Protein backbone atom coordinates (compact mmCIF):
# COMPACT_ATOMS: atom_id res chain seq x y z
CA MET A 1 -68.22 -9.52 36.92
CA PHE A 2 -67.28 -10.17 33.35
CA LYS A 3 -66.41 -13.60 32.00
CA HIS A 4 -62.75 -13.87 31.17
CA LYS A 5 -61.28 -15.11 27.91
CA GLY A 6 -59.96 -18.64 27.92
CA ALA A 7 -56.41 -17.37 27.77
CA HIS A 8 -56.85 -15.54 31.00
CA GLN A 9 -58.24 -18.57 32.86
CA TYR A 10 -55.29 -20.94 32.57
CA THR A 11 -51.79 -20.45 33.96
CA TRP A 12 -50.15 -23.02 31.80
CA TYR A 13 -50.74 -23.92 28.25
CA GLN A 14 -49.17 -25.86 25.35
CA ASP A 15 -50.38 -24.63 21.98
CA THR A 16 -48.98 -27.44 19.93
CA LEU A 17 -50.85 -30.25 21.79
CA GLY A 18 -53.78 -28.13 22.99
CA ARG A 19 -53.02 -28.83 26.64
CA ARG A 20 -53.78 -26.24 29.27
CA SER A 21 -54.38 -26.22 32.98
CA MET A 22 -54.95 -24.00 35.99
CA ILE A 23 -52.31 -25.30 38.30
CA ASP A 24 -51.24 -22.06 40.01
CA LEU A 25 -53.68 -20.88 42.58
CA VAL A 26 -53.98 -17.99 44.95
CA VAL A 27 -54.10 -18.99 48.59
CA MET A 28 -55.96 -16.74 50.98
CA SER A 29 -57.93 -16.74 54.23
CA SER A 30 -61.60 -17.60 53.93
CA ASP A 31 -62.69 -14.43 55.77
CA LEU A 32 -61.37 -12.35 52.77
CA TRP A 33 -63.46 -14.22 50.21
CA PRO A 34 -66.36 -11.81 50.29
CA HIS A 35 -63.88 -8.95 49.35
CA VAL A 36 -62.53 -10.65 46.25
CA LEU A 37 -63.44 -8.65 43.11
CA ASP A 38 -61.65 -10.65 40.39
CA THR A 39 -59.01 -13.25 39.73
CA TRP A 40 -57.30 -13.72 36.38
CA VAL A 41 -54.03 -14.80 34.73
CA LYS A 42 -51.80 -12.02 33.55
CA ARG A 43 -50.04 -12.97 30.28
CA GLY A 44 -47.70 -9.95 30.00
CA ALA A 45 -45.70 -10.73 33.18
CA LYS A 46 -42.22 -11.98 32.30
CA LEU A 47 -41.64 -14.75 34.88
CA SER A 48 -39.07 -16.61 32.84
CA THR A 49 -40.96 -19.83 33.17
CA ASP A 50 -43.76 -21.51 31.19
CA HIS A 51 -46.18 -20.27 33.87
CA HIS A 52 -47.97 -16.92 34.07
CA LEU A 53 -48.81 -14.64 36.99
CA VAL A 54 -52.05 -15.07 38.83
CA VAL A 55 -53.55 -11.81 40.01
CA ARG A 56 -56.43 -11.32 42.58
CA TRP A 57 -58.00 -7.94 43.23
CA ILE A 58 -59.35 -7.50 46.71
CA HIS A 59 -61.59 -4.63 47.76
CA LEU A 60 -60.83 -3.52 51.33
CA TRP A 61 -62.59 -0.14 51.57
CA ARG A 62 -62.66 -0.09 55.29
CA ARG A 63 -60.45 -1.25 58.17
CA MET A 64 -61.14 -4.83 59.16
CA PRO A 65 -62.14 -5.26 62.81
CA ASP A 66 -59.36 -6.47 65.14
CA ARG A 67 -61.80 -8.80 66.80
CA LEU A 68 -65.20 -10.03 65.56
CA GLY A 69 -68.24 -10.06 67.82
CA ARG A 70 -69.24 -7.92 70.73
CA PRO A 71 -66.47 -5.97 72.54
CA LYS A 72 -65.20 -7.22 75.75
CA ARG A 73 -66.39 -5.62 78.87
CA ILE A 74 -63.84 -3.47 80.67
CA VAL A 75 -63.54 -3.84 84.46
CA ARG A 76 -62.00 -0.94 86.37
CA VAL A 77 -61.51 0.05 90.02
CA CYS A 78 -64.43 2.06 91.30
CA SER A 79 -62.71 5.23 92.27
CA GLU A 80 -66.07 6.99 92.90
CA CYS A 81 -66.22 5.15 96.19
CA LEU A 82 -63.30 7.29 97.49
CA ALA A 83 -65.80 10.19 97.92
CA ASP A 84 -67.22 8.27 100.88
CA PRO A 85 -65.16 9.04 104.00
CA SER A 86 -65.59 5.62 105.40
CA VAL A 87 -63.89 4.01 102.31
CA ARG A 88 -61.33 6.73 102.01
CA GLY A 89 -59.55 5.90 105.30
CA VAL A 90 -59.45 2.14 104.56
CA SER A 91 -56.24 0.85 103.28
CA HIS A 92 -55.35 -2.76 102.49
CA LEU A 93 -52.06 -1.87 100.89
CA ARG A 94 -49.88 -2.93 103.72
CA GLU A 95 -51.46 -6.40 103.75
CA SER A 96 -50.95 -6.63 99.96
CA PHE A 97 -47.29 -5.70 100.31
CA ASN A 98 -46.74 -8.34 103.04
CA GLN A 99 -47.70 -10.99 100.45
CA ILE A 100 -44.84 -10.07 98.13
CA PRO A 101 -41.71 -12.19 98.56
CA ARG A 102 -38.60 -10.08 99.58
CA GLU A 103 -36.22 -11.48 96.92
CA ILE A 104 -37.75 -12.10 93.57
CA GLY A 105 -34.86 -11.65 91.25
CA ASP A 106 -35.12 -9.45 88.24
CA ILE A 107 -36.74 -5.98 88.14
CA GLU A 108 -39.55 -6.99 85.68
CA SER A 109 -41.04 -9.67 88.00
CA GLU A 110 -40.66 -7.36 91.03
CA TRP A 111 -42.51 -4.56 89.17
CA THR A 112 -45.29 -7.01 88.17
CA MET A 113 -45.76 -8.15 91.77
CA PHE A 114 -45.66 -4.63 93.04
CA SER A 115 -48.27 -3.21 90.57
CA SER A 116 -50.57 -6.23 90.96
CA SER A 117 -50.45 -5.86 94.74
CA ILE A 118 -51.42 -2.14 94.44
CA VAL A 119 -54.33 -3.09 92.08
CA ASP A 120 -55.47 -5.89 94.46
CA ALA A 121 -55.53 -3.48 97.37
CA ALA A 122 -57.53 -0.91 95.42
CA ILE A 123 -60.01 -3.51 94.40
CA TRP A 124 -60.28 -4.82 98.00
CA SER A 125 -60.90 -1.27 99.28
CA CYS A 126 -63.04 0.23 96.58
CA GLY A 127 -64.51 -2.62 94.58
CA CYS A 128 -64.79 -3.00 90.78
CA LYS A 129 -67.03 -1.42 88.20
CA VAL A 130 -67.87 -2.60 84.73
CA SER A 131 -67.50 0.22 82.19
CA CYS A 132 -68.34 0.28 78.50
CA ALA A 133 -69.68 -2.40 76.26
CA GLY A 134 -71.57 -4.18 78.98
CA CYS A 135 -74.86 -2.33 78.20
CA GLY A 136 -75.46 -3.60 74.73
CA GLY A 137 -72.69 -1.63 73.04
CA ASN A 138 -74.30 1.74 73.75
CA PRO A 139 -71.87 4.64 73.94
CA GLN A 140 -70.68 5.29 77.51
CA THR A 141 -70.45 9.08 77.42
CA GLN A 142 -71.69 11.67 79.90
CA CYS A 143 -74.80 12.49 77.75
CA TRP A 144 -75.91 8.84 77.43
CA THR A 145 -78.26 8.59 80.44
CA LEU A 146 -81.13 6.33 81.17
CA GLU A 147 -83.56 8.98 80.05
CA VAL A 148 -81.90 9.35 76.77
CA ARG A 149 -81.73 5.58 76.27
CA ASP A 150 -85.47 5.40 77.08
CA ALA A 151 -86.33 8.17 74.69
CA VAL A 152 -84.35 6.57 71.94
CA LYS A 153 -86.09 3.22 72.57
CA LEU A 154 -89.50 4.93 72.47
CA LYS A 155 -88.60 6.61 69.17
CA LYS A 156 -87.44 3.23 67.63
CA GLU A 157 -90.68 1.54 68.80
CA SER A 158 -92.87 4.25 67.43
CA TYR A 159 -91.06 4.18 64.05
CA GLN A 160 -91.42 0.45 63.80
CA ALA A 161 -95.14 0.83 64.61
CA TRP A 162 -95.55 3.46 61.96
CA LEU A 163 -93.84 1.31 59.40
CA ALA A 164 -96.00 -1.72 60.32
CA GLN A 165 -99.36 0.13 60.48
CA GLY A 166 -98.90 2.99 58.09
CA THR A 167 -101.75 5.08 59.68
CA PRO A 168 -101.73 8.80 60.35
CA GLU A 169 -102.06 8.15 64.01
CA ALA A 170 -98.86 6.11 64.06
CA ALA A 171 -97.11 8.81 62.06
CA GLU A 172 -98.19 11.39 64.53
CA ALA A 173 -97.05 9.20 67.48
CA TYR A 174 -93.65 8.93 65.82
CA ARG A 175 -93.40 12.66 65.35
CA GLN A 176 -94.19 13.20 69.03
CA ALA A 177 -91.55 10.63 70.05
CA LYS A 178 -89.06 12.18 67.77
């Protein structure tokens, strides 16, 4: 970044007495500070006051994440259990419906109770399964199997060994793993 002229660093000045101050500030969230490119006072803006416009340039070249950190794990009903004939015939839906009060009031609360009782019965019959983001953030696609994960792990380890040792044997081991 370039150093600004003195006139571009102060938002208020009085030439006759030589007074000047930076009294107008830009308020922003602290998580955006790394993206600030520049801040200066713009003299050409007609604000009809004795103050000037403070401008801040922010570089947001990519979408900010909605939530920082590791993604939450997603729990779903294990519908694969329905392939088993012993599980397929079991239904706990009637017991779940018996727990719903007959007169709730409005349609929204009745729908909420109805849908939650269906989900509870499905969980009771089939069980739950954790899908995605529980395995270290690896992609949960059809092609990402345990063999692929082990092969990628071996390739990474052999690459790290090649970088650390720098020998032709380590380079050949990396080529074989690749």
